[in-house]
Amino acid sequence: MKYILAPLAGFTDAPFRLMCQEGGADLTYTEMVSAAALAHTHGPTRHLMETLPGEGPVACQIFGANEDEIALATRIVSALKDDAGRPRFCEINLNAGCPMQKVTKCGAGATLVKDPAKVHRLLKAMVANTDLPVTLKTRLGPHPQATTAFELLDAAETAGAKGIAFHARYTSQLHGGPLHLNVLADLVSRAHIPVAGNGSVTDAATAAVMAQTGVSAILLGRATLANPAIFNQLKAAFQPSELPNPPAPPNPPEPSLSLCERHLAYVLAFREQLAAKFPEDHVPSVDGFASVKMHTHLFRYFNGRPGAAALRARLNAVRTLAEIREIIKAGNS
């Protein structure tokens, strides 16, 4: 079983992906990248596709509803290289499942579950414009009385997609409510391409239930935010013989560094990389960048610790790198 970091807008940037890779993720995804923004060379969108040295494998997820923009975005993503001249990404994924209004209002994301024929056209445009594997991430349908997952699976297979991931819920459920694992299992049994499962996997027990559907991989999202090492924990629970000594990540951090300190170090390195690579773009100051990037993560890292309430109160007012370091020091003491 493979365990994958699901794409999460606002969270799965390069520093957090590297944290999850160190924690055992077999694959990570970028945040959602707007095909329309790429087509219009929107500067900050390029930042979403930056990777840190040592990252990999990483997949790039794009969203959009216009075939020409999707095709152009696919070519742009495909052309990106790492420092060794290799493709930066191992696959390109089309998002057809995000239910947030800022995505659906333009006909993208979960809006597409209503139109498998359009999903087919978009995927076909992607396949025609890249040599990288193309995959789809979607949902079971608009609502429980309208399951379109089987048509979406057919659309993906006939368009040439190499894999598909289903969030085992309907758009109407957003991110809550029961999972429909019976439907997911039926999809796995009918599929001719690998099927991954997503939805409320938080520990070994919920992962075991998801695995019973026969999926080839499990995507983890919100459960990773406070615990980027959850991937190795699941592997140790189910495959102890395969994980006696987890391989060291590239550029391993100092053993003495805490989880928060490692994350902060990667955030600062990422900010330096962006500023050097995109001098024409606005990159926030070190204080501003660190404050924004670390704020929500620190809330989760400190949850449940002694004195967490006081630390979280301080986080609400944090504005500088020095303040972040003081809070991390207080949290580690």
C-alpha atoms as a PDB file:
ATOM      1  CA  MET A   1       0.000   0.000   0.000  1.00  0.00           C
ATOM      2  CA  LYS A   2       1.223   3.479  -0.859  1.00  0.00           C
ATOM      3  CA  TYR A   3       0.488   6.441   1.384  1.00  0.00           C
ATOM      4  CA  ILE A   4       0.214   9.804  -0.341  1.00  0.00           C
ATOM      5  CA  LEU A   5      -0.030  13.397   0.849  1.00  0.00           C
ATOM      6  CA  ALA A   6      -3.245  14.769  -0.642  1.00  0.00           C
ATOM      7  CA  PRO A   7      -3.205  18.261  -2.157  1.00  0.00           C
ATOM      8  CA  LEU A   8      -4.394  20.840   0.363  1.00  0.00           C
ATOM      9  CA  ALA A   9      -4.757  24.486  -0.638  1.00  0.00           C
ATOM     10  CA  GLY A  10      -2.772  26.691   1.711  1.00  0.00           C
ATOM     11  CA  PHE A  11      -0.839  23.801   3.247  1.00  0.00           C
ATOM     12  CA  THR A  12       0.991  21.503   0.836  1.00  0.00           C
ATOM     13  CA  ASP A  13       3.730  23.919  -0.108  1.00  0.00           C
ATOM     14  CA  ALA A  14       7.328  22.783  -0.540  1.00  0.00           C
ATOM     15  CA  PRO A  15       8.331  23.005   3.165  1.00  0.00           C
ATOM     16  CA  PHE A  16       5.383  20.921   4.324  1.00  0.00           C
ATOM     17  CA  ARG A  17       5.774  18.425   1.492  1.00  0.00           C
ATOM     18  CA  LEU A  18       9.378  17.888   2.532  1.00  0.00           C
ATOM     19  CA  MET A  19       8.254  17.361   6.128  1.00  0.00           C
ATOM     20  CA  CYS A  20       5.826  14.700   4.918  1.00  0.00           C
ATOM     21  CA  GLN A  21       8.440  13.092   2.690  1.00  0.00           C
ATOM     22  CA  GLU A  22      10.662  12.740   5.728  1.00  0.00           C
ATOM     23  CA  GLY A  23       7.627  11.307   7.489  1.00  0.00           C
ATOM     24  CA  GLY A  24       7.322   8.527   4.916  1.00  0.00           C
ATOM     25  CA  ALA A  25       5.008   9.882   2.197  1.00  0.00           C
ATOM     26  CA  ASP A  26       5.428   7.866  -1.005  1.00  0.00           C
ATOM     27  CA  LEU A  27       4.176  10.778  -3.100  1.00  0.00           C
ATOM     28  CA  THR A  28       3.206  14.376  -2.408  1.00  0.00           C
ATOM     29  CA  TYR A  29       1.048  16.853  -4.313  1.00  0.00           C
ATOM     30  CA  THR A  30       1.373  20.569  -4.825  1.00  0.00           C
ATOM     31  CA  GLU A  31      -1.393  22.897  -3.855  1.00  0.00           C
ATOM     32  CA  MET A  32      -3.958  23.380  -6.610  1.00  0.00           C
ATOM     33  CA  VAL A  33      -2.507  25.383  -9.483  1.00  0.00           C
ATOM     34  CA  SER A  34      -4.896  27.460 -11.576  1.00  0.00           C
ATOM     35  CA  ALA A  35      -4.594  26.686 -15.279  1.00  0.00           C
ATOM     36  CA  ALA A  36      -6.063  30.110 -16.087  1.00  0.00           C
ATOM     37  CA  ALA A  37      -3.467  31.852 -13.925  1.00  0.00           C
ATOM     38  CA  LEU A  38      -0.661  29.894 -15.571  1.00  0.00           C
ATOM     39  CA  ALA A  39      -2.016  30.759 -18.997  1.00  0.00           C
ATOM     40  CA  HIS A  40      -1.811  34.453 -18.064  1.00  0.00           C
ATOM     41  CA  THR A  41       1.672  34.089 -16.491  1.00  0.00           C
ATOM     42  CA  HIS A  42       0.465  35.061 -13.023  1.00  0.00           C
ATOM     43  CA  GLY A  43       3.659  35.379 -10.973  1.00  0.00           C
ATOM     44  CA  PRO A  44       2.588  34.018  -7.570  1.00  0.00           C
ATOM     45  CA  THR A  45       1.101  30.932  -9.223  1.00  0.00           C
ATOM     46  CA  ARG A  46       4.602  29.916 -10.260  1.00  0.00           C
ATOM     47  CA  HIS A  47       5.595  29.870  -6.601  1.00  0.00           C
ATOM     48  CA  LEU A  48       3.120  27.037  -6.000  1.00  0.00           C
ATOM     49  CA  MET A  49       5.124  24.862  -8.399  1.00  0.00           C
ATOM     50  CA  GLU A  50       8.507  25.422  -6.764  1.00  0.00           C
ATOM     51  CA  THR A  51      10.173  22.469  -5.079  1.00  0.00           C
ATOM     52  CA  LEU A  52      12.950  22.378  -2.518  1.00  0.00           C
ATOM     53  CA  PRO A  53      16.180  20.438  -3.112  1.00  0.00           C
ATOM     54  CA  GLY A  54      15.681  16.830  -2.066  1.00  0.00           C
ATOM     55  CA  GLU A  55      11.948  16.752  -2.705  1.00  0.00           C
ATOM     56  CA  GLY A  56      10.434  13.934  -4.666  1.00  0.00           C
ATOM     57  CA  PRO A  57       8.467  12.375  -6.033  1.00  0.00           C
ATOM     58  CA  VAL A  58       6.058  15.292  -6.377  1.00  0.00           C
ATOM     59  CA  ALA A  59       2.926  15.524  -8.524  1.00  0.00           C
ATOM     60  CA  CYS A  60       1.476  18.810  -9.716  1.00  0.00           C
ATOM     61  CA  GLN A  61      -2.269  19.301  -9.443  1.00  0.00           C
ATOM     62  CA  ILE A  62      -3.975  21.774 -11.756  1.00  0.00           C
ATOM     63  CA  PHE A  63      -7.575  22.954 -11.967  1.00  0.00           C
ATOM     64  CA  GLY A  64      -9.580  24.618 -14.675  1.00  0.00           C
ATOM     65  CA  ALA A  65     -12.474  24.186 -17.072  1.00  0.00           C
ATOM     66  CA  ASN A  66     -11.094  25.574 -20.329  1.00  0.00           C
ATOM     67  CA  GLU A  67      -9.449  23.008 -22.606  1.00  0.00           C
ATOM     68  CA  ASP A  68      -7.009  25.468 -24.168  1.00  0.00           C
ATOM     69  CA  GLU A  69      -5.892  26.759 -20.769  1.00  0.00           C
ATOM     70  CA  ILE A  70      -5.577  23.227 -19.413  1.00  0.00           C
ATOM     71  CA  ALA A  71      -3.482  22.223 -22.432  1.00  0.00           C
ATOM     72  CA  LEU A  72      -1.182  25.235 -22.023  1.00  0.00           C
ATOM     73  CA  ALA A  73      -0.853  24.686 -18.282  1.00  0.00           C
ATOM     74  CA  THR A  74       0.058  21.064 -18.922  1.00  0.00           C
ATOM     75  CA  ARG A  75       2.821  22.106 -21.317  1.00  0.00           C
ATOM     76  CA  ILE A  76       4.157  24.643 -18.807  1.00  0.00           C
ATOM     77  CA  VAL A  77       4.214  22.118 -15.965  1.00  0.00           C
ATOM     78  CA  SER A  78       5.802  19.472 -18.177  1.00  0.00           C
ATOM     79  CA  ALA A  79       8.622  21.804 -19.156  1.00  0.00           C
ATOM     80  CA  LEU A  80       9.724  22.461 -15.572  1.00  0.00           C
ATOM     81  CA  LYS A  81      12.985  20.776 -14.593  1.00  0.00           C
ATOM     82  CA  ASP A  82      14.818  20.155 -11.345  1.00  0.00           C
ATOM     83  CA  ASP A  83      18.422  21.159 -10.715  1.00  0.00           C
ATOM     84  CA  ALA A  84      19.628  17.974 -12.415  1.00  0.00           C
ATOM     85  CA  GLY A  85      17.634  18.699 -15.567  1.00  0.00           C
ATOM     86  CA  ARG A  86      15.016  16.024 -14.914  1.00  0.00           C
ATOM     87  CA  PRO A  87      11.264  16.646 -14.976  1.00  0.00           C
ATOM     88  CA  ARG A  88      10.339  18.425 -11.768  1.00  0.00           C
ATOM     89  CA  PHE A  89       7.084  16.476 -11.408  1.00  0.00           C
ATOM     90  CA  CYS A  90       6.329  12.788 -11.772  1.00  0.00           C
ATOM     91  CA  GLU A  91       2.692  13.291 -12.833  1.00  0.00           C
ATOM     92  CA  ILE A  92       0.098  15.950 -13.545  1.00  0.00           C
ATOM     93  CA  ASN A  93      -3.253  15.646 -11.822  1.00  0.00           C
ATOM     94  CA  LEU A  94      -6.567  17.257 -12.755  1.00  0.00           C
ATOM     95  CA  ASN A  95      -8.697  18.356  -9.829  1.00  0.00           C
ATOM     96  CA  ALA A  96     -12.355  17.554 -10.392  1.00  0.00           C
ATOM     97  CA  GLY A  97     -13.398  17.367  -6.776  1.00  0.00           C
ATOM     98  CA  CYS A  98     -12.717  20.560  -4.833  1.00  0.00           C
ATOM     99  CA  PRO A  99     -16.077  21.911  -3.579  1.00  0.00           C
ATOM    100  CA  MET A 100     -14.881  25.393  -2.624  1.00  0.00           C
ATOM    101  CA  GLN A 101     -16.743  28.224  -4.330  1.00  0.00           C
ATOM    102  CA  LYS A 102     -13.638  30.030  -5.571  1.00  0.00           C
ATOM    103  CA  VAL A 103     -12.893  26.905  -7.641  1.00  0.00           C
ATOM    104  CA  THR A 104     -16.393  25.813  -8.630  1.00  0.00           C
ATOM    105  CA  LYS A 105     -17.577  29.278  -9.696  1.00  0.00           C
ATOM    106  CA  CYS A 106     -15.403  29.042 -12.800  1.00  0.00           C
ATOM    107  CA  GLY A 107     -16.749  25.603 -13.688  1.00  0.00           C
ATOM    108  CA  ALA A 108     -13.751  23.727 -12.285  1.00  0.00           C
ATOM    109  CA  GLY A 109     -13.259  21.421  -9.320  1.00  0.00           C
ATOM    110  CA  ALA A 110     -16.350  19.609  -8.089  1.00  0.00           C
ATOM    111  CA  THR A 111     -18.501  21.247 -10.764  1.00  0.00           C
ATOM    112  CA  LEU A 112     -16.916  18.790 -13.196  1.00  0.00           C
ATOM    113  CA  VAL A 113     -18.386  15.715 -11.468  1.00  0.00           C
ATOM    114  CA  LYS A 114     -21.637  16.657 -13.180  1.00  0.00           C
ATOM    115  CA  ASP A 115     -20.030  16.482 -16.612  1.00  0.00           C
ATOM    116  CA  PRO A 116     -17.903  13.357 -17.220  1.00  0.00           C
ATOM    117  CA  ALA A 117     -17.775  14.145 -20.936  1.00  0.00           C
ATOM    118  CA  LYS A 118     -16.019  17.425 -20.191  1.00  0.00           C
ATOM    119  CA  VAL A 119     -13.643  15.681 -17.791  1.00  0.00           C
ATOM    120  CA  HIS A 120     -12.787  13.339 -20.664  1.00  0.00           C
ATOM    121  CA  ARG A 121     -12.030  16.282 -22.961  1.00  0.00           C
ATOM    122  CA  LEU A 122      -9.870  18.010 -20.363  1.00  0.00           C
ATOM    123  CA  LEU A 123      -7.902  14.860 -19.596  1.00  0.00           C
ATOM    124  CA  LYS A 124      -7.477  14.121 -23.287  1.00  0.00           C
ATOM    125  CA  ALA A 125      -6.075  17.632 -23.788  1.00  0.00           C
ATOM    126  CA  MET A 126      -3.623  17.017 -20.955  1.00  0.00           C
ATOM    127  CA  VAL A 127      -2.516  13.622 -22.294  1.00  0.00           C
ATOM    128  CA  ALA A 128      -1.918  15.153 -25.723  1.00  0.00           C
ATOM    129  CA  ASN A 129       0.360  17.828 -24.270  1.00  0.00           C
ATOM    130  CA  THR A 130       2.690  15.895 -21.980  1.00  0.00           C
ATOM    131  CA  ASP A 131       4.777  12.771 -21.737  1.00  0.00           C
ATOM    132  CA  LEU A 132       4.178  12.687 -17.977  1.00  0.00           C
ATOM    133  CA  PRO A 133       1.448  10.445 -16.534  1.00  0.00           C
ATOM    134  CA  VAL A 134      -1.895  12.228 -16.236  1.00  0.00           C
ATOM    135  CA  THR A 135      -4.244  11.392 -13.353  1.00  0.00           C
ATOM    136  CA  LEU A 136      -7.597  12.543 -12.014  1.00  0.00           C
ATOM    137  CA  LYS A 137      -8.773  13.365  -8.486  1.00  0.00           C
ATOM    138  CA  THR A 138     -12.523  13.564  -8.088  1.00  0.00           C
ATOM    139  CA  ARG A 139     -15.585  12.614  -6.030  1.00  0.00           C
ATOM    140  CA  LEU A 140     -18.376  10.070  -6.300  1.00  0.00           C
ATOM    141  CA  GLY A 141     -20.867  12.538  -7.739  1.00  0.00           C
ATOM    142  CA  PRO A 142     -22.840  15.702  -6.940  1.00  0.00           C
ATOM    143  CA  HIS A 143     -24.975  14.025  -4.240  1.00  0.00           C
ATOM    144  CA  PRO A 144     -25.957  10.488  -3.159  1.00  0.00           C
ATOM    145  CA  GLN A 145     -28.877  10.452  -5.593  1.00  0.00           C
ATOM    146  CA  ALA A 146     -26.555  11.261  -8.504  1.00  0.00           C
ATOM    147  CA  THR A 147     -23.509   9.001  -8.616  1.00  0.00           C
ATOM    148  CA  THR A 148     -21.339   9.840 -11.606  1.00  0.00           C
ATOM    149  CA  ALA A 149     -18.173   8.093 -10.416  1.00  0.00           C
ATOM    150  CA  PHE A 150     -18.457   5.216 -12.877  1.00  0.00           C
ATOM    151  CA  GLU A 151     -18.802   7.615 -15.803  1.00  0.00           C
ATOM    152  CA  LEU A 152     -15.835   9.591 -14.458  1.00  0.00           C
ATOM    153  CA  LEU A 153     -13.789   6.403 -14.250  1.00  0.00           C
ATOM    154  CA  ASP A 154     -14.673   5.601 -17.853  1.00  0.00           C
ATOM    155  CA  ALA A 155     -13.815   9.166 -18.888  1.00  0.00           C
ATOM    156  CA  ALA A 156     -10.403   8.869 -17.260  1.00  0.00           C
ATOM    157  CA  GLU A 157      -9.617   5.467 -18.753  1.00  0.00           C
ATOM    158  CA  THR A 158     -10.672   6.328 -22.296  1.00  0.00           C
ATOM    159  CA  ALA A 159      -8.805   9.645 -22.189  1.00  0.00           C
ATOM    160  CA  GLY A 160      -5.550   7.871 -21.368  1.00  0.00           C
ATOM    161  CA  ALA A 161      -5.226   8.739 -17.678  1.00  0.00           C
ATOM    162  CA  LYS A 162      -2.870   6.498 -15.733  1.00  0.00           C
ATOM    163  CA  GLY A 163      -4.698   6.623 -12.427  1.00  0.00           C
ATOM    164  CA  ILE A 164      -7.646   8.062 -10.532  1.00  0.00           C
ATOM    165  CA  ALA A 165      -8.236   9.063  -6.905  1.00  0.00           C
ATOM    166  CA  PHE A 166     -11.722   9.193  -5.422  1.00  0.00           C
ATOM    167  CA  HIS A 167     -12.696  11.144  -2.356  1.00  0.00           C
ATOM    168  CA  ALA A 168     -15.290   8.664  -1.118  1.00  0.00           C
ATOM    169  CA  ARG A 169     -17.887  11.366  -0.559  1.00  0.00           C
ATOM    170  CA  TYR A 170     -20.241  13.414  -2.700  1.00  0.00           C
ATOM    171  CA  THR A 171     -19.863  17.121  -3.375  1.00  0.00           C
ATOM    172  CA  SER A 172     -22.898  17.854  -1.215  1.00  0.00           C
ATOM    173  CA  GLN A 173     -21.069  16.384   1.787  1.00  0.00           C
ATOM    174  CA  LEU A 174     -18.088  18.729   1.505  1.00  0.00           C
ATOM    175  CA  HIS A 175     -15.541  17.238   3.941  1.00  0.00           C
ATOM    176  CA  GLY A 176     -17.915  15.620   6.446  1.00  0.00           C
ATOM    177  CA  GLY A 177     -20.459  12.867   6.714  1.00  0.00           C
ATOM    178  CA  PRO A 178     -20.126   9.153   6.076  1.00  0.00           C
ATOM    179  CA  LEU A 179     -17.759   7.680   3.533  1.00  0.00           C
ATOM    180  CA  HIS A 180     -19.336   5.539   0.816  1.00  0.00           C
ATOM    181  CA  LEU A 181     -16.723   2.822   0.785  1.00  0.00           C
ATOM    182  CA  ASN A 182     -19.033   0.308  -0.890  1.00  0.00           C
ATOM    183  CA  VAL A 183     -19.107   2.537  -3.963  1.00  0.00           C
ATOM    184  CA  LEU A 184     -15.335   2.918  -3.815  1.00  0.00           C
ATOM    185  CA  ALA A 185     -14.896  -0.859  -3.646  1.00  0.00           C
ATOM    186  CA  ASP A 186     -17.176  -1.278  -6.659  1.00  0.00           C
ATOM    187  CA  LEU A 187     -15.114   1.261  -8.590  1.00  0.00           C
ATOM    188  CA  VAL A 188     -11.901  -0.604  -7.746  1.00  0.00           C
ATOM    189  CA  SER A 189     -13.394  -3.864  -8.990  1.00  0.00           C
ATOM    190  CA  ARG A 190     -14.354  -2.317 -12.338  1.00  0.00           C
ATOM    191  CA  ALA A 191     -11.242  -0.206 -12.942  1.00  0.00           C
ATOM    192  CA  HIS A 192      -8.494  -0.941 -15.437  1.00  0.00           C
ATOM    193  CA  ILE A 193      -6.222   1.749 -13.953  1.00  0.00           C
ATOM    194  CA  PRO A 194      -5.026   2.165 -10.339  1.00  0.00           C
ATOM    195  CA  VAL A 195      -7.631   3.621  -7.985  1.00  0.00           C
ATOM    196  CA  ALA A 196      -6.609   5.544  -4.857  1.00  0.00           C
ATOM    197  CA  GLY A 197      -8.906   6.345  -1.944  1.00  0.00           C
ATOM    198  CA  ASN A 198      -9.262   9.552   0.050  1.00  0.00           C
ATOM    199  CA  GLY A 199     -11.385  10.630   2.972  1.00  0.00           C
ATOM    200  CA  SER A 200     -11.041  10.772   6.779  1.00  0.00           C
ATOM    201  CA  VAL A 201      -8.092   8.409   7.152  1.00  0.00           C
ATOM    202  CA  THR A 202      -6.547   9.497  10.437  1.00  0.00           C
ATOM    203  CA  ASP A 203      -4.935   6.392  11.937  1.00  0.00           C
ATOM    204  CA  ALA A 204      -4.256   2.688  11.440  1.00  0.00           C
ATOM    205  CA  ALA A 205      -7.876   1.710  12.104  1.00  0.00           C
ATOM    206  CA  THR A 206      -9.370   4.041   9.493  1.00  0.00           C
ATOM    207  CA  ALA A 207      -6.587   3.189   7.039  1.00  0.00           C
ATOM    208  CA  ALA A 208      -7.387  -0.517   7.436  1.00  0.00           C
ATOM    209  CA  VAL A 209     -11.043   0.123   6.626  1.00  0.00           C
ATOM    210  CA  MET A 210     -10.099   2.105   3.526  1.00  0.00           C
ATOM    211  CA  ALA A 211      -7.631  -0.588   2.452  1.00  0.00           C
ATOM    212  CA  GLN A 212     -10.398  -3.196   2.476  1.00  0.00           C
ATOM    213  CA  THR A 213     -11.859  -1.546  -0.627  1.00  0.00           C
ATOM    214  CA  GLY A 214      -8.847  -2.767  -2.599  1.00  0.00           C
ATOM    215  CA  VAL A 215      -7.435   0.674  -3.413  1.00  0.00           C
ATOM    216  CA  SER A 216      -3.820   0.811  -4.551  1.00  0.00           C
ATOM    217  CA  ALA A 217      -3.011   3.876  -2.462  1.00  0.00           C
ATOM    218  CA  ILE A 218      -4.457   5.957   0.357  1.00  0.00           C
ATOM    219  CA  LEU A 219      -4.365   9.751   0.338  1.00  0.00           C
ATOM    220  CA  LEU A 220      -4.087  11.558   3.648  1.00  0.00           C
ATOM    221  CA  GLY A 221      -4.961  15.209   4.056  1.00  0.00           C
ATOM    222  CA  ARG A 222      -5.964  16.934   7.264  1.00  0.00           C
ATOM    223  CA  ALA A 223      -4.538  14.168   9.475  1.00  0.00           C
ATOM    224  CA  THR A 224      -1.046  15.103   8.281  1.00  0.00           C
ATOM    225  CA  LEU A 225      -1.201  18.719   9.402  1.00  0.00           C
ATOM    226  CA  ALA A 226      -0.357  18.032  13.038  1.00  0.00           C
ATOM    227  CA  ASN A 227       1.550  14.852  12.308  1.00  0.00           C
ATOM    228  CA  PRO A 228       3.600  14.750   9.084  1.00  0.00           C
ATOM    229  CA  ALA A 229       5.163  11.473  10.303  1.00  0.00           C
ATOM    230  CA  ILE A 230       1.829   9.656  10.048  1.00  0.00           C
ATOM    231  CA  PHE A 231       2.933   7.928   6.833  1.00  0.00           C
ATOM    232  CA  ASN A 232       5.745   6.007   8.526  1.00  0.00           C
ATOM    233  CA  GLN A 233       3.451   5.265  11.458  1.00  0.00           C
ATOM    234  CA  LEU A 234       0.944   3.614   9.143  1.00  0.00           C
ATOM    235  CA  LYS A 235       3.671   1.695   7.344  1.00  0.00           C
ATOM    236  CA  ALA A 236       5.026   0.456  10.649  1.00  0.00           C
ATOM    237  CA  ALA A 237       1.545  -0.657  11.678  1.00  0.00           C
ATOM    238  CA  PHE A 238       0.816  -2.612   8.498  1.00  0.00           C
ATOM    239  CA  GLN A 239       4.207  -3.449   7.012  1.00  0.00           C
ATOM    240  CA  PRO A 240       6.692  -3.687   9.890  1.00  0.00           C
ATOM    241  CA  SER A 241       8.982  -5.984   7.936  1.00  0.00           C
ATOM    242  CA  GLU A 242       9.305  -3.375   5.213  1.00  0.00           C
ATOM    243  CA  LEU A 243      10.267  -0.555   7.539  1.00  0.00           C
ATOM    244  CA  PRO A 244      13.071  -1.739   9.863  1.00  0.00           C
ATOM    245  CA  ASN A 245      15.193   1.305   9.103  1.00  0.00           C
ATOM    246  CA  PRO A 246      13.377   3.999   7.111  1.00  0.00           C
ATOM    247  CA  PRO A 247      15.704   5.521   4.520  1.00  0.00           C
ATOM    248  CA  ALA A 248      17.175   8.848   5.527  1.00  0.00           C
ATOM    249  CA  PRO A 249      15.617  11.775   3.649  1.00  0.00           C
ATOM    250  CA  PRO A 250      17.788  13.880   1.396  1.00  0.00           C
ATOM    251  CA  ASN A 251      19.590  16.616   3.345  1.00  0.00           C
ATOM    252  CA  PRO A 252      18.423  15.219   6.726  1.00  0.00           C
ATOM    253  CA  PRO A 253      17.893  17.825   9.443  1.00  0.00           C
ATOM    254  CA  GLU A 254      19.951  17.909  12.591  1.00  0.00           C
ATOM    255  CA  PRO A 255      18.613  15.281  15.007  1.00  0.00           C
ATOM    256  CA  SER A 256      18.332  17.877  17.748  1.00  0.00           C
ATOM    257  CA  LEU A 257      15.887  20.012  15.815  1.00  0.00           C
ATOM    258  CA  SER A 258      12.276  19.779  16.876  1.00  0.00           C
ATOM    259  CA  LEU A 259       9.436  19.261  14.415  1.00  0.00           C
ATOM    260  CA  CYS A 260       8.622  22.972  14.508  1.00  0.00           C
ATOM    261  CA  GLU A 261      12.239  24.049  14.117  1.00  0.00           C
ATOM    262  CA  ARG A 262      12.725  21.796  11.103  1.00  0.00           C
ATOM    263  CA  HIS A 263       9.578  23.136   9.497  1.00  0.00           C
ATOM    264  CA  LEU A 264      10.673  26.717  10.130  1.00  0.00           C
ATOM    265  CA  ALA A 265      14.108  26.007   8.650  1.00  0.00           C
ATOM    266  CA  TYR A 266      12.484  24.719   5.460  1.00  0.00           C
ATOM    267  CA  VAL A 267      10.157  27.738   5.316  1.00  0.00           C
ATOM    268  CA  LEU A 268      13.108  30.129   5.534  1.00  0.00           C
ATOM    269  CA  ALA A 269      15.035  28.186   2.886  1.00  0.00           C
ATOM    270  CA  PHE A 270      11.975  28.253   0.627  1.00  0.00           C
ATOM    271  CA  ARG A 271      11.537  31.990   1.043  1.00  0.00           C
ATOM    272  CA  GLU A 272      15.203  32.534   0.150  1.00  0.00           C
ATOM    273  CA  GLN A 273      14.793  30.340  -2.930  1.00  0.00           C
ATOM    274  CA  LEU A 274      11.715  32.242  -4.126  1.00  0.00           C
ATOM    275  CA  ALA A 275      13.373  35.622  -3.624  1.00  0.00           C
ATOM    276  CA  ALA A 276      16.457  34.515  -5.574  1.00  0.00           C
ATOM    277  CA  LYS A 277      14.563  32.826  -8.395  1.00  0.00           C
ATOM    278  CA  PHE A 278      11.813  35.411  -8.854  1.00  0.00           C
ATOM    279  CA  PRO A 279      13.426  38.792  -8.152  1.00  0.00           C
ATOM    280  CA  GLU A 280      10.711  40.535 -10.177  1.00  0.00           C
ATOM    281  CA  ASP A 281       7.922  39.100  -8.009  1.00  0.00           C
ATOM    282  CA  HIS A 282       6.801  40.356  -4.641  1.00  0.00           C
ATOM    283  CA  VAL A 283       8.032  37.923  -2.008  1.00  0.00           C
ATOM    284  CA  PRO A 284       7.060  38.920   1.552  1.00  0.00           C
ATOM    285  CA  SER A 285       9.725  39.887   4.040  1.00  0.00           C
ATOM    286  CA  VAL A 286      11.290  37.164   6.172  1.00  0.00           C
ATOM    287  CA  ASP A 287       9.060  38.191   9.085  1.00  0.00           C
ATOM    288  CA  GLY A 288       5.902  38.267   6.982  1.00  0.00           C
ATOM    289  CA  PHE A 289       6.636  35.046   5.108  1.00  0.00           C
ATOM    290  CA  ALA A 290       7.509  33.078   8.248  1.00  0.00           C
ATOM    291  CA  SER A 291       4.486  34.405  10.115  1.00  0.00           C
ATOM    292  CA  VAL A 292       2.016  33.435   7.401  1.00  0.00           C
ATOM    293  CA  LYS A 293       3.558  30.062   6.593  1.00  0.00           C
ATOM    294  CA  MET A 294       4.047  28.890  10.194  1.00  0.00           C
ATOM    295  CA  HIS A 295       0.955  30.303  11.863  1.00  0.00           C
ATOM    296  CA  THR A 296      -1.588  27.579  11.165  1.00  0.00           C
ATOM    297  CA  HIS A 297       0.961  24.776  11.404  1.00  0.00           C
ATOM    298  CA  LEU A 298       2.103  25.860  14.864  1.00  0.00           C
ATOM    299  CA  PHE A 299      -1.502  25.866  16.075  1.00  0.00           C
ATOM    300  CA  ARG A 300      -1.697  22.176  15.195  1.00  0.00           C
ATOM    301  CA  TYR A 301       1.774  21.195  16.378  1.00  0.00           C
ATOM    302  CA  PHE A 302       1.102  22.642  19.830  1.00  0.00           C
ATOM    303  CA  ASN A 303      -2.392  21.213  20.200  1.00  0.00           C
ATOM    304  CA  GLY A 304      -2.635  19.009  23.277  1.00  0.00           C
ATOM    305  CA  ARG A 305       0.683  20.072  24.789  1.00  0.00           C
ATOM    306  CA  PRO A 306       0.940  21.554  28.288  1.00  0.00           C
ATOM    307  CA  GLY A 307       0.465  25.287  28.031  1.00  0.00           C
ATOM    308  CA  ALA A 308      -0.925  25.015  24.514  1.00  0.00           C
ATOM    309  CA  ALA A 309      -3.720  27.496  25.171  1.00  0.00           C
ATOM    310  CA  ALA A 310      -1.273  30.215  26.188  1.00  0.00           C
ATOM    311  CA  LEU A 311       0.983  29.456  23.218  1.00  0.00           C
ATOM    312  CA  ARG A 312      -1.954  29.631  20.812  1.00  0.00           C
ATOM    313  CA  ALA A 313      -2.961  32.978  22.277  1.00  0.00           C
ATOM    314  CA  ARG A 314       0.539  34.274  21.566  1.00  0.00           C
ATOM    315  CA  LEU A 315       0.339  32.921  18.026  1.00  0.00           C
ATOM    316  CA  ASN A 316      -2.632  35.150  17.263  1.00  0.00           C
ATOM    317  CA  ALA A 317      -0.379  38.177  17.670  1.00  0.00           C
ATOM    318  CA  VAL A 318       2.794  36.840  16.050  1.00  0.00           C
ATOM    319  CA  ARG A 319       4.323  39.138  13.445  1.00  0.00           C
ATOM    320  CA  THR A 320       8.060  38.454  13.392  1.00  0.00           C
ATOM    321  CA  LEU A 321      10.496  35.586  12.985  1.00  0.00           C
ATOM    322  CA  ALA A 322      11.920  36.320  16.426  1.00  0.00           C
ATOM    323  CA  GLU A 323       8.466  35.907  17.973  1.00  0.00           C
ATOM    324  CA  ILE A 324       7.973  32.594  16.161  1.00  0.00           C
ATOM    325  CA  ARG A 325      11.286  31.311  17.488  1.00  0.00           C
ATOM    326  CA  GLU A 326      10.365  32.388  21.013  1.00  0.00           C
ATOM    327  CA  ILE A 327       7.054  30.521  20.771  1.00  0.00           C
ATOM    328  CA  ILE A 328       8.741  27.390  19.432  1.00  0.00           C
ATOM    329  CA  LYS A 329      11.297  27.553  22.242  1.00  0.00           C
ATOM    330  CA  ALA A 330       8.523  27.927  24.796  1.00  0.00           C
ATOM    331  CA  GLY A 331       6.650  25.013  23.237  1.00  0.00           C
ATOM    332  CA  ASN A 332       9.714  22.770  23.413  1.00  0.00           C
ATOM    333  CA  SER A 333      10.559  23.599  27.006  1.00  0.00           C
END
